[in-house]
Amino acid sequence: MESMITLHQDADGFIRMNRHFPMQVTVSITFSDGAVEEFTGSQVNAVYDTALAEFRTQNRLDAKGFSRAPAKTVQPMSTIEFVPVHPGMAS
């Protein structure tokens, strides 16, 4: 029996995802326009990794999420929880 994870895109174009999913699991995303697409776990994980790398770059964090900003600057978070998605990404 194959597992399926169902996610819904919010009005801003994001899904809530704060960790990797198993690579072989099926992930169904319902987009805000009503479209539904199925992804593999590895496809969604790649989107997550891209969003995480972009977040870290924009916030002056290294690849492990450690702050590389001057000592005075406080970085309250070094992870992401929302990942941008759009219809057509599964293909």
N, C-alpha and C. Protein backbone atom coordinates (compact mmCIF):
# COMPACT_ATOMS: atom_id res chain seq x y z
N MET A 1 0.84 -1.18 0.00
CA MET A 1 0.00 0.00 0.00
C MET A 1 0.89 1.25 0.00
N GLU A 2 0.64 2.14 -0.93
CA GLU A 2 1.44 3.35 -1.07
C GLU A 2 0.81 4.48 -0.27
N SER A 3 1.66 5.23 0.41
CA SER A 3 1.19 6.37 1.20
C SER A 3 1.04 7.60 0.31
N MET A 4 0.11 8.45 0.68
CA MET A 4 -0.05 9.71 -0.04
C MET A 4 -0.15 10.83 0.98
N ILE A 5 0.58 11.89 0.71
CA ILE A 5 0.52 13.10 1.53
C ILE A 5 -0.23 14.14 0.71
N THR A 6 -1.21 14.79 1.32
CA THR A 6 -2.00 15.81 0.63
C THR A 6 -1.67 17.17 1.21
N LEU A 7 -1.30 18.11 0.34
CA LEU A 7 -0.96 19.47 0.76
C LEU A 7 -1.84 20.45 -0.02
N HIS A 8 -2.05 21.62 0.55
CA HIS A 8 -2.85 22.67 -0.09
C HIS A 8 -2.01 23.94 -0.18
N GLN A 9 -2.03 24.56 -1.35
CA GLN A 9 -1.32 25.82 -1.55
C GLN A 9 -2.12 26.94 -0.89
N ASP A 10 -1.43 27.85 -0.19
CA ASP A 10 -2.15 28.97 0.42
C ASP A 10 -2.32 30.10 -0.60
N ALA A 11 -3.00 31.16 -0.21
CA ALA A 11 -3.31 32.27 -1.12
C ALA A 11 -2.06 32.97 -1.63
N ASP A 12 -0.94 32.85 -0.90
CA ASP A 12 0.31 33.49 -1.31
C ASP A 12 1.16 32.60 -2.21
N GLY A 13 0.71 31.37 -2.48
CA GLY A 13 1.44 30.47 -3.38
C GLY A 13 2.39 29.51 -2.70
N PHE A 14 2.23 29.28 -1.41
CA PHE A 14 3.15 28.43 -0.66
C PHE A 14 2.44 27.18 -0.13
N ILE A 15 3.25 26.13 0.10
CA ILE A 15 2.78 24.98 0.85
C ILE A 15 3.57 24.94 2.15
N ARG A 16 3.01 24.35 3.17
CA ARG A 16 3.72 24.21 4.44
C ARG A 16 4.55 22.94 4.40
N MET A 17 5.86 23.10 4.54
CA MET A 17 6.77 21.95 4.46
C MET A 17 8.03 22.33 5.22
N ASN A 18 8.25 21.73 6.37
CA ASN A 18 9.42 22.09 7.17
C ASN A 18 10.46 20.98 7.26
N ARG A 19 10.31 19.95 6.41
CA ARG A 19 11.27 18.84 6.39
C ARG A 19 11.11 18.09 5.08
N HIS A 20 12.04 17.18 4.81
CA HIS A 20 11.93 16.32 3.64
C HIS A 20 10.88 15.25 3.86
N PHE A 21 10.24 14.84 2.78
CA PHE A 21 9.32 13.71 2.80
C PHE A 21 10.06 12.48 2.30
N PRO A 22 9.57 11.27 2.60
CA PRO A 22 10.19 10.06 2.03
C PRO A 22 10.22 10.15 0.51
N MET A 23 11.30 9.69 -0.11
CA MET A 23 11.50 9.87 -1.55
C MET A 23 10.43 9.19 -2.41
N GLN A 24 9.94 8.04 -2.00
CA GLN A 24 9.01 7.28 -2.83
C GLN A 24 7.54 7.57 -2.55
N VAL A 25 7.24 8.39 -1.55
CA VAL A 25 5.85 8.69 -1.23
C VAL A 25 5.25 9.59 -2.32
N THR A 26 3.95 9.48 -2.53
CA THR A 26 3.24 10.36 -3.46
C THR A 26 2.73 11.57 -2.70
N VAL A 27 2.99 12.75 -3.24
CA VAL A 27 2.53 13.99 -2.61
C VAL A 27 1.56 14.67 -3.57
N SER A 28 0.33 14.85 -3.12
CA SER A 28 -0.70 15.52 -3.92
C SER A 28 -0.82 16.95 -3.44
N ILE A 29 -0.67 17.90 -4.38
CA ILE A 29 -0.79 19.32 -4.02
C ILE A 29 -2.01 19.89 -4.72
N THR A 30 -2.92 20.46 -3.92
CA THR A 30 -4.07 21.17 -4.45
C THR A 30 -3.71 22.65 -4.48
N PHE A 31 -3.69 23.22 -5.68
CA PHE A 31 -3.30 24.61 -5.85
C PHE A 31 -4.48 25.53 -5.59
N SER A 32 -4.20 26.80 -5.34
CA SER A 32 -5.26 27.75 -4.99
C SER A 32 -6.27 27.94 -6.12
N ASP A 33 -5.89 27.63 -7.37
CA ASP A 33 -6.83 27.74 -8.48
C ASP A 33 -7.68 26.48 -8.67
N GLY A 34 -7.49 25.48 -7.79
CA GLY A 34 -8.26 24.25 -7.85
C GLY A 34 -7.56 23.11 -8.57
N ALA A 35 -6.48 23.39 -9.28
CA ALA A 35 -5.73 22.34 -9.97
C ALA A 35 -5.07 21.42 -8.94
N VAL A 36 -4.96 20.14 -9.29
CA VAL A 36 -4.32 19.15 -8.41
C VAL A 36 -3.23 18.46 -9.20
N GLU A 37 -2.04 18.34 -8.61
CA GLU A 37 -0.94 17.63 -9.24
C GLU A 37 -0.33 16.68 -8.24
N GLU A 38 0.19 15.56 -8.76
CA GLU A 38 0.88 14.60 -7.91
C GLU A 38 2.37 14.65 -8.19
N PHE A 39 3.15 14.64 -7.12
CA PHE A 39 4.60 14.68 -7.17
C PHE A 39 5.13 13.45 -6.45
N THR A 40 6.37 13.10 -6.73
CA THR A 40 7.05 12.11 -5.89
C THR A 40 7.66 12.88 -4.73
N GLY A 41 7.99 12.18 -3.68
CA GLY A 41 8.64 12.82 -2.55
C GLY A 41 9.95 13.48 -2.96
N SER A 42 10.70 12.83 -3.86
CA SER A 42 11.98 13.41 -4.27
C SER A 42 11.78 14.69 -5.07
N GLN A 43 10.70 14.81 -5.85
CA GLN A 43 10.43 16.05 -6.58
C GLN A 43 10.14 17.20 -5.61
N VAL A 44 9.30 16.94 -4.62
CA VAL A 44 8.96 17.97 -3.64
C VAL A 44 10.18 18.33 -2.80
N ASN A 45 10.99 17.33 -2.47
CA ASN A 45 12.21 17.59 -1.70
C ASN A 45 13.17 18.50 -2.47
N ALA A 46 13.25 18.34 -3.78
CA ALA A 46 14.11 19.19 -4.61
C ALA A 46 13.60 20.64 -4.58
N VAL A 47 12.29 20.84 -4.63
CA VAL A 47 11.70 22.18 -4.55
C VAL A 47 12.01 22.78 -3.17
N TYR A 48 11.88 21.97 -2.12
CA TYR A 48 12.20 22.41 -0.76
C TYR A 48 13.66 22.84 -0.66
N ASP A 49 14.57 22.01 -1.20
CA ASP A 49 16.01 22.32 -1.15
C ASP A 49 16.33 23.63 -1.86
N THR A 50 15.69 23.87 -3.00
CA THR A 50 15.89 25.12 -3.74
C THR A 50 15.41 26.32 -2.93
N ALA A 51 14.23 26.20 -2.34
CA ALA A 51 13.68 27.29 -1.52
C ALA A 51 14.55 27.53 -0.29
N LEU A 52 15.06 26.48 0.32
CA LEU A 52 15.91 26.62 1.50
C LEU A 52 17.23 27.30 1.14
N ALA A 53 17.83 26.92 0.01
CA ALA A 53 19.08 27.54 -0.43
C ALA A 53 18.87 29.02 -0.70
N GLU A 54 17.76 29.37 -1.33
CA GLU A 54 17.45 30.78 -1.61
C GLU A 54 17.25 31.57 -0.32
N PHE A 55 16.53 30.98 0.62
CA PHE A 55 16.30 31.62 1.92
C PHE A 55 17.62 31.88 2.63
N ARG A 56 18.49 30.87 2.65
CA ARG A 56 19.78 31.01 3.34
C ARG A 56 20.65 32.07 2.67
N THR A 57 20.63 32.13 1.35
CA THR A 57 21.41 33.14 0.64
C THR A 57 20.91 34.54 0.97
N GLN A 58 19.61 34.73 0.94
CA GLN A 58 19.02 36.04 1.21
C GLN A 58 19.24 36.50 2.65
N ASN A 59 19.43 35.54 3.56
CA ASN A 59 19.58 35.88 4.97
C ASN A 59 21.01 35.70 5.48
N ARG A 60 21.96 35.64 4.54
CA ARG A 60 23.39 35.55 4.86
C ARG A 60 23.70 34.37 5.77
N LEU A 61 23.13 33.22 5.44
CA LEU A 61 23.40 31.99 6.19
C LEU A 61 24.24 31.07 5.31
N ASP A 62 25.07 30.24 5.94
CA ASP A 62 25.85 29.30 5.14
C ASP A 62 25.01 28.07 4.81
N ALA A 63 25.61 27.08 4.17
CA ALA A 63 24.88 25.89 3.71
C ALA A 63 24.28 25.09 4.86
N LYS A 64 24.81 25.22 6.05
CA LYS A 64 24.26 24.49 7.20
C LYS A 64 23.28 25.34 8.01
N GLY A 65 23.05 26.58 7.60
CA GLY A 65 22.09 27.43 8.27
C GLY A 65 22.68 28.31 9.35
N PHE A 66 24.01 28.38 9.44
CA PHE A 66 24.64 29.23 10.44
C PHE A 66 24.79 30.65 9.91
N SER A 67 24.61 31.60 10.78
CA SER A 67 24.69 33.00 10.39
C SER A 67 26.12 33.39 10.06
N ARG A 68 26.27 34.11 8.95
CA ARG A 68 27.57 34.67 8.56
C ARG A 68 27.49 36.19 8.59
N ALA A 69 26.48 36.70 9.26
CA ALA A 69 26.30 38.14 9.40
C ALA A 69 27.22 38.65 10.51
N PRO A 70 27.43 39.94 10.57
CA PRO A 70 28.21 40.50 11.69
C PRO A 70 27.63 40.07 13.03
N ALA A 71 28.48 40.01 14.05
CA ALA A 71 28.08 39.50 15.37
C ALA A 71 26.90 40.25 15.98
N LYS A 72 26.70 41.52 15.66
CA LYS A 72 25.60 42.31 16.22
C LYS A 72 24.24 41.82 15.72
N THR A 73 24.21 41.28 14.52
CA THR A 73 22.94 40.89 13.91
C THR A 73 22.43 39.60 14.53
N VAL A 74 21.15 39.58 14.84
CA VAL A 74 20.53 38.38 15.40
C VAL A 74 19.66 37.75 14.33
N GLN A 75 19.89 36.48 14.06
CA GLN A 75 19.06 35.72 13.12
C GLN A 75 18.15 34.81 13.93
N PRO A 76 16.87 35.13 14.09
CA PRO A 76 15.99 34.33 14.93
C PRO A 76 15.71 32.93 14.37
N MET A 77 15.75 32.77 13.06
CA MET A 77 15.45 31.46 12.48
C MET A 77 16.43 31.17 11.35
N SER A 78 16.79 29.91 11.21
CA SER A 78 17.69 29.54 10.12
C SER A 78 17.07 28.47 9.23
N THR A 79 15.76 28.30 9.32
CA THR A 79 15.07 27.33 8.49
C THR A 79 13.83 27.98 7.87
N ILE A 80 13.23 27.25 6.96
CA ILE A 80 11.99 27.72 6.34
C ILE A 80 10.87 26.77 6.69
N GLU A 81 9.66 27.23 6.55
CA GLU A 81 8.51 26.38 6.80
C GLU A 81 7.52 26.42 5.64
N PHE A 82 7.64 27.43 4.77
CA PHE A 82 6.73 27.56 3.65
C PHE A 82 7.52 27.55 2.36
N VAL A 83 7.08 26.76 1.37
CA VAL A 83 7.78 26.55 0.11
C VAL A 83 6.89 27.02 -1.04
N PRO A 84 7.40 27.88 -1.94
CA PRO A 84 6.57 28.35 -3.06
C PRO A 84 6.40 27.24 -4.11
N VAL A 85 5.18 27.07 -4.60
CA VAL A 85 4.87 26.08 -5.64
C VAL A 85 3.95 26.70 -6.67
N HIS A 86 3.88 26.10 -7.86
CA HIS A 86 2.93 26.56 -8.87
C HIS A 86 2.55 25.37 -9.75
N PRO A 87 1.36 25.41 -10.38
CA PRO A 87 0.94 24.33 -11.26
C PRO A 87 1.96 24.12 -12.37
N GLY A 88 2.18 22.88 -12.76
CA GLY A 88 3.09 22.55 -13.83
C GLY A 88 4.46 22.13 -13.34
N MET A 89 4.71 22.22 -12.05
CA MET A 89 6.03 21.86 -11.51
C MET A 89 6.27 20.36 -11.54
N ALA A 90 5.23 19.55 -11.54
CA ALA A 90 5.41 18.10 -11.48
C ALA A 90 5.93 17.53 -12.79
N SER A 91 5.75 18.27 -13.89
CA SER A 91 6.20 17.73 -15.17
C SER A 91 7.60 18.12 -15.52
